[in-house]
Amino acid sequence: MAEDHADDLSTSKQTLAPALERGIRILDSVAKSKTFLTLSDLARELGIARSSAHALCSTLVQLDLLIRRGDQTFQLGPRVMRWSNAFAQQSDVATEFAALWDRETELPGATITLSVLEGDDVIYLAARNSTVSHALIEFRAGMRLPAAFTATGKAFLSHMSDFEVRRLYSEGLPPPRTPKSVRLVENLIEEIRNIRSLGYSCDDEQVAEGIICFGATVLNSLNRPIAAIAVSILAETLSDTSRMRVIADVQRIAGQLSRRMGAEI
């Protein structure tokens, strides 16, 4: 029986349950979209009849995986967040991050975040918001921001080649969030080259005005990035001395997490 079960788990994509696969594709589409999608949008993206999309979406709504908004568009439902929270709790790096921040006392007034890269966005797995920076931006688990503007996203991108970055942004960068958000791919690549040589990244008020973030990647046993951390500080409180201390703390925390994940650094 165990062999039969193993065979079932190793079956090819051709034997996947079609309804389940389409349902997951709908959730993926809603999650990745920059706008709220209609039933027609989803049917068109999946290449299925509108009636089929309606049946799938109705099921997902009943299961709390989707929410049907008042304008008949869709957004992710609360069950997705419960799964996301469970994943974060069960993830080794998220657990280690939480254990580490409980003992972290060297960054008063700072917000500390942990995120992963998905496409050209970063998704936040965990955040410890300070009461100070909270007034300007609140980071939260499940939040998604453009990688090109964030400290953690830039740290991830620094592990890509220039060619890979250009391919990722072949249609240009996302709309700026602040007047300081990077606008051109070539300028982003210039930032990334500096990150590679410095060993840390910086979001200089590109996500939120008044907030500067410093980031670094968390590596696994293959020395590949699996997550990234960032420390966010009010720009007005950042002196040259405190800047160097924050950068050192970011690199120290990322290094500790990387070693716990088996990285050789």
Protein backbone atom coordinates (compact mmCIF):
# COMPACT_ATOMS: atom_id res chain seq x y z
CA MET A 1 0.00 0.00 0.00
CA ALA A 2 2.85 2.39 0.82
CA GLU A 3 4.29 1.83 -2.66
CA ASP A 4 0.88 2.54 -4.21
CA HIS A 5 0.63 5.76 -2.21
CA ALA A 6 4.12 6.84 -3.28
CA ASP A 7 3.16 6.18 -6.89
CA ASP A 8 0.08 8.37 -6.45
CA LEU A 9 2.18 11.25 -5.11
CA SER A 10 4.65 11.05 -8.00
CA THR A 11 2.10 11.13 -10.82
CA SER A 12 2.61 13.63 -13.59
CA LYS A 13 0.75 16.91 -14.05
CA GLN A 14 -1.47 15.25 -16.69
CA THR A 15 -3.25 13.24 -13.98
CA LEU A 16 -4.08 16.21 -11.72
CA ALA A 17 -7.75 16.74 -10.88
CA PRO A 18 -8.84 19.39 -13.43
CA ALA A 19 -11.27 21.23 -11.11
CA LEU A 20 -8.70 21.46 -8.32
CA GLU A 21 -6.00 22.67 -10.69
CA ARG A 22 -8.31 25.33 -12.13
CA GLY A 23 -9.33 26.43 -8.65
CA ILE A 24 -5.69 26.91 -7.69
CA ARG A 25 -5.03 28.79 -10.91
CA ILE A 26 -7.90 31.14 -10.03
CA LEU A 27 -6.40 31.77 -6.59
CA ASP A 28 -3.00 32.39 -8.19
CA SER A 29 -4.51 34.87 -10.64
CA VAL A 30 -6.32 36.78 -7.90
CA ALA A 31 -3.19 36.83 -5.73
CA LYS A 32 -0.90 38.11 -8.49
CA SER A 33 -3.23 40.69 -10.01
CA LYS A 34 -2.60 44.36 -9.30
CA THR A 35 -6.36 45.01 -9.62
CA PHE A 36 -9.47 43.12 -8.53
CA LEU A 37 -10.54 40.63 -11.21
CA THR A 38 -14.05 39.98 -12.51
CA LEU A 39 -15.52 36.61 -13.45
CA SER A 40 -14.92 37.40 -17.11
CA ASP A 41 -11.28 38.28 -16.39
CA LEU A 42 -10.73 34.93 -14.67
CA ALA A 43 -12.49 32.95 -17.39
CA ARG A 44 -10.34 34.65 -20.01
CA GLU A 45 -7.09 34.05 -18.08
CA LEU A 46 -7.87 30.36 -17.59
CA GLY A 47 -9.25 29.91 -21.10
CA ILE A 48 -12.52 28.38 -19.83
CA ALA A 49 -16.20 29.14 -20.23
CA ARG A 50 -17.65 31.85 -18.00
CA SER A 51 -20.12 29.34 -16.58
CA SER A 52 -17.26 27.06 -15.52
CA ALA A 53 -15.45 29.98 -13.91
CA HIS A 54 -18.66 30.91 -12.10
CA ALA A 55 -19.02 27.42 -10.63
CA LEU A 56 -15.40 27.36 -9.47
CA CYS A 57 -15.52 30.84 -7.97
CA SER A 58 -18.79 30.12 -6.17
CA THR A 59 -17.19 27.06 -4.57
CA LEU A 60 -14.11 29.04 -3.57
CA VAL A 61 -16.32 31.75 -2.05
CA GLN A 62 -18.27 29.18 -0.02
CA LEU A 63 -14.97 27.73 1.25
CA ASP A 64 -13.73 31.20 2.33
CA LEU A 65 -10.90 31.02 -0.20
CA LEU A 66 -12.32 33.95 -2.17
CA ILE A 67 -14.43 36.97 -1.25
CA ARG A 68 -16.92 38.34 -3.76
CA ARG A 69 -16.77 42.12 -3.46
CA GLY A 70 -19.71 44.47 -3.87
CA ASP A 71 -18.68 45.30 -7.45
CA GLN A 72 -18.62 41.55 -8.28
CA THR A 73 -14.84 41.36 -8.41
CA PHE A 74 -12.85 38.94 -6.26
CA GLN A 75 -10.19 39.09 -3.58
CA LEU A 76 -8.51 36.39 -1.52
CA GLY A 77 -10.52 35.07 1.40
CA PRO A 78 -9.64 34.62 5.08
CA ARG A 79 -8.85 30.91 4.77
CA VAL A 80 -5.88 31.76 2.55
CA MET A 81 -4.44 33.94 5.32
CA ARG A 82 -4.95 31.15 7.86
CA TRP A 83 -2.96 28.85 5.57
CA SER A 84 -0.33 31.56 5.11
CA ASN A 85 0.01 31.97 8.86
CA ALA A 86 0.27 28.20 9.30
CA PHE A 87 2.97 28.04 6.63
CA ALA A 88 4.90 30.85 8.33
CA GLN A 89 4.64 29.11 11.70
CA GLN A 90 5.79 25.80 10.25
CA SER A 91 8.58 27.31 8.17
CA ASP A 92 11.97 26.84 9.79
CA VAL A 93 13.23 30.26 8.76
CA ALA A 94 10.08 31.99 10.06
CA THR A 95 10.34 30.12 13.37
CA GLU A 96 14.01 31.00 13.74
CA PHE A 97 13.29 34.61 12.83
CA ALA A 98 10.59 34.85 15.50
CA ALA A 99 12.89 33.31 18.10
CA LEU A 100 15.63 35.73 17.15
CA TRP A 101 13.52 38.89 17.27
CA ASP A 102 12.24 37.93 20.73
CA ARG A 103 15.81 38.28 21.96
CA GLU A 104 16.75 41.25 19.76
CA THR A 105 17.36 44.34 21.88
CA GLU A 106 19.87 46.30 19.81
CA LEU A 107 17.36 47.97 17.47
CA PRO A 108 15.06 50.21 19.56
CA GLY A 109 12.50 52.08 17.47
CA ALA A 110 13.07 49.85 14.43
CA THR A 111 10.69 47.69 12.43
CA ILE A 112 12.06 44.25 11.51
CA THR A 113 10.54 42.20 8.68
CA LEU A 114 11.02 38.81 7.01
CA SER A 115 9.94 38.26 3.43
CA VAL A 116 10.22 35.92 0.45
CA LEU A 117 10.41 36.66 -3.28
CA GLU A 118 7.59 35.72 -5.64
CA GLY A 119 7.97 36.90 -9.21
CA ASP A 120 8.69 40.63 -9.08
CA ASP A 121 7.10 41.08 -5.63
CA VAL A 122 8.13 40.32 -2.08
CA ILE A 123 5.62 38.76 0.31
CA TYR A 124 6.04 39.39 4.02
CA LEU A 125 6.05 36.33 6.26
CA ALA A 126 6.49 38.16 9.55
CA ALA A 127 6.90 41.67 10.89
CA ARG A 128 7.66 43.32 14.20
CA ASN A 129 6.42 46.88 13.77
CA SER A 130 7.77 49.62 16.00
CA THR A 131 5.33 52.17 17.40
CA VAL A 132 7.36 54.89 15.69
CA SER A 133 7.46 53.74 12.06
CA HIS A 134 3.99 52.18 12.36
CA ALA A 135 2.47 55.63 11.75
CA LEU A 136 4.02 55.84 8.27
CA ILE A 137 3.68 52.24 7.08
CA GLU A 138 2.52 49.04 8.73
CA PHE A 139 4.13 45.85 7.50
CA ARG A 140 2.06 42.70 8.04
CA ALA A 141 2.16 39.01 7.19
CA GLY A 142 0.76 38.42 3.71
CA MET A 143 1.56 41.95 2.52
CA ARG A 144 2.92 42.19 -1.03
CA LEU A 145 5.16 44.99 -2.31
CA PRO A 146 7.22 45.50 -5.50
CA ALA A 147 10.67 43.94 -5.11
CA ALA A 148 12.28 46.77 -7.08
CA PHE A 149 11.51 49.29 -4.31
CA THR A 150 11.98 47.27 -1.11
CA ALA A 151 15.21 46.54 0.74
CA THR A 152 14.46 42.81 0.88
CA GLY A 153 13.48 42.73 -2.78
CA LYS A 154 16.67 44.49 -3.85
CA ALA A 155 18.65 42.03 -1.72
CA PHE A 156 17.01 39.12 -3.57
CA LEU A 157 17.60 40.75 -6.96
CA SER A 158 21.30 41.12 -6.16
CA HIS A 159 21.60 37.33 -6.42
CA MET A 160 20.40 37.50 -10.04
CA SER A 161 22.54 38.38 -13.02
CA ASP A 162 21.97 41.69 -14.80
CA PHE A 163 20.45 39.71 -17.67
CA GLU A 164 17.96 38.01 -15.34
CA VAL A 165 16.94 41.35 -13.84
CA ARG A 166 16.39 42.86 -17.29
CA ARG A 167 14.31 39.83 -18.28
CA LEU A 168 12.23 40.09 -15.08
CA TYR A 169 11.49 43.74 -15.86
CA SER A 170 11.30 43.44 -19.63
CA GLU A 171 8.11 45.55 -19.59
CA GLY A 172 9.52 48.15 -17.22
CA LEU A 173 9.32 48.76 -13.49
CA PRO A 174 6.04 49.00 -11.56
CA PRO A 175 4.48 52.43 -10.91
CA PRO A 176 6.50 54.38 -8.31
CA ARG A 177 5.26 54.48 -4.72
CA THR A 178 7.10 57.66 -3.78
CA PRO A 179 9.03 60.39 -5.63
CA LYS A 180 12.22 58.49 -4.70
CA SER A 181 11.15 55.13 -6.17
CA VAL A 182 13.55 53.91 -8.85
CA ARG A 183 12.04 54.54 -12.30
CA LEU A 184 14.39 52.88 -14.82
CA VAL A 185 15.62 49.29 -15.04
CA GLU A 186 19.19 50.45 -15.69
CA ASN A 187 19.13 52.55 -12.51
CA LEU A 188 17.85 49.51 -10.59
CA ILE A 189 20.69 47.41 -11.97
CA GLU A 190 23.15 50.07 -10.85
CA GLU A 191 21.69 49.82 -7.33
CA ILE A 192 21.95 46.04 -7.45
CA ARG A 193 25.60 46.14 -8.47
CA ASN A 194 26.32 48.30 -5.42
CA ILE A 195 24.45 45.82 -3.21
CA ARG A 196 26.60 42.95 -4.49
CA SER A 197 29.77 44.80 -3.49
CA LEU A 198 28.47 46.17 -0.17
CA GLY A 199 26.71 43.06 1.11
CA TYR A 200 23.49 44.85 2.09
CA SER A 201 20.62 46.65 0.37
CA CYS A 202 18.90 49.97 1.01
CA ASP A 203 15.42 51.29 0.32
CA ASP A 204 15.98 55.02 0.70
CA GLU A 205 12.32 56.14 1.07
CA GLN A 206 11.31 54.24 -2.09
CA VAL A 207 8.42 52.40 -0.38
CA ALA A 208 7.29 55.05 2.10
CA GLU A 209 8.43 58.64 2.50
CA GLY A 210 10.23 59.14 5.79
CA ILE A 211 11.29 55.49 6.13
CA ILE A 212 14.72 54.06 5.23
CA CYS A 213 15.15 50.28 5.18
CA PHE A 214 18.29 48.16 5.11
CA GLY A 215 18.13 44.53 4.03
CA ALA A 216 20.10 41.32 3.58
CA THR A 217 19.28 37.81 2.38
CA VAL A 218 18.99 34.63 4.41
CA LEU A 219 20.81 31.74 2.72
CA ASN A 220 20.22 27.99 2.88
CA SER A 221 22.68 25.09 2.95
CA LEU A 222 23.34 25.63 -0.77
CA ASN A 223 24.12 29.29 -0.07
CA ARG A 224 21.07 30.33 -2.07
CA PRO A 225 18.62 33.01 -0.83
CA ILE A 226 15.45 31.61 0.74
CA ALA A 227 14.28 34.73 2.55
CA ALA A 228 15.40 38.25 3.37
CA ILE A 229 15.22 40.47 6.41
CA ALA A 230 14.98 44.24 6.62
CA VAL A 231 15.21 46.82 9.36
CA SER A 232 13.22 50.02 8.85
CA ILE A 233 14.12 53.29 10.58
CA LEU A 234 12.73 56.82 10.52
CA ALA A 235 14.90 58.80 8.10
CA GLU A 236 14.97 61.84 10.38
CA THR A 237 16.53 59.83 13.23
CA LEU A 238 19.27 58.21 11.14
CA SER A 239 22.75 59.63 11.70
CA ASP A 240 25.93 58.32 10.07
CA THR A 241 26.76 56.46 13.28
CA SER A 242 23.33 54.88 13.69
CA ARG A 243 23.26 54.03 9.98
CA MET A 244 26.42 51.94 10.30
CA ARG A 245 25.09 50.28 13.46
CA VAL A 246 21.79 49.34 11.78
CA ILE A 247 23.61 47.95 8.73
CA ALA A 248 25.85 45.87 10.99
CA ASP A 249 22.79 44.58 12.88
CA VAL A 250 21.00 43.63 9.65
CA GLN A 251 24.02 41.70 8.42
CA ARG A 252 24.45 40.05 11.83
CA ILE A 253 20.80 38.92 12.03
CA ALA A 254 20.82 37.66 8.43
CA GLY A 255 24.07 35.83 9.11
CA GLN A 256 22.68 34.17 12.24
CA LEU A 257 19.56 33.03 10.39
CA SER A 258 21.64 31.80 7.44
CA ARG A 259 23.88 29.72 9.69
CA ARG A 260 20.81 28.20 11.35
CA MET A 261 19.56 27.29 7.87
CA GLY A 262 22.87 25.49 7.17
CA ALA A 263 24.64 28.15 5.11
CA GLU A 264 28.41 28.28 5.15
CA ILE A 265 29.22 31.93 5.72
